[in-house]
Amino acid sequence: MTLERIHANILAVRIIPNADDSLVKQFNLQPFYRSLAIFTSTIDDVGYTALDEATKRADIEVAYARSFYAGAAHASGPLSGEMIGVLAGPSPDEVKAGVDAVIQMAESDAYFEALNKEKSHALYAHVVARTGSYLSKEAGISVGEPLAYLIAPPLEAMYGLDVALKAADVELVKFFGPPSETNFGGGFLTGSQSACQAAADAFRDAILDIAKNPIHY
């Protein structure tokens, strides 16, 4: 079954060509990483996936990435969205290349999937074929390893993770116990690329079944 895609919107972007020393110290950056790119996104997990992709496209690192409490529907302002990401690099050109990668990923490659017409019930079952430095660090795996990034509402996430882990030769390397800042849950699974894909597919199918039959045990 093909589910309707829910893409993130990048709401605001700014580049700081040469950040002030005090700000560089707050982000614990290397002294030569003085250029910053800051963006906000309407969907946090897509934003994090996009940040990881950016680290593969340019000489940059993720300086800061956080979700906002209660999600985009309760944002602090029209340009806040659900998360903020900060990229750092040695030059404005490098961080601009990183932002370009973030926008491309958000517009095309990474997306939630709607389980109902209202798009109020959704899941994230995204496979990263080759992790960059950001998600590798977050998952505690080597750069370049495959990763299944699985996120859903609380009950769906817990049940779906169990199904995913039993469906393929994968390992749970990071667990997001609900509620997250946006009241979801999930985890990172790693294994071969085909195993990660099988786990993501099983996760999606399990949650589809819950959506169709919520009270069934």
Foldseek 3Di string as FASTA:
>chain_A
DDFDWAFKDWQDKDKDFAADPVVCVVLVHDPLQGIKMKIAIQDQVLQLQLLFQLLVFFQKHWSDKDFAAQFQVPAPDPRHHTMMTMITHNGRVRVVSSVVSSVVSRVPPFTWGALDPVSPFTWGWHKDQFTHPRVCVVLVHDGTFIKTWIKGAQVLQVVLQVQLVVQFVKDFRFWFHPDDSNRMTHGMITDHRVSSVRSSVSSVVSSSVCSVPVPDD
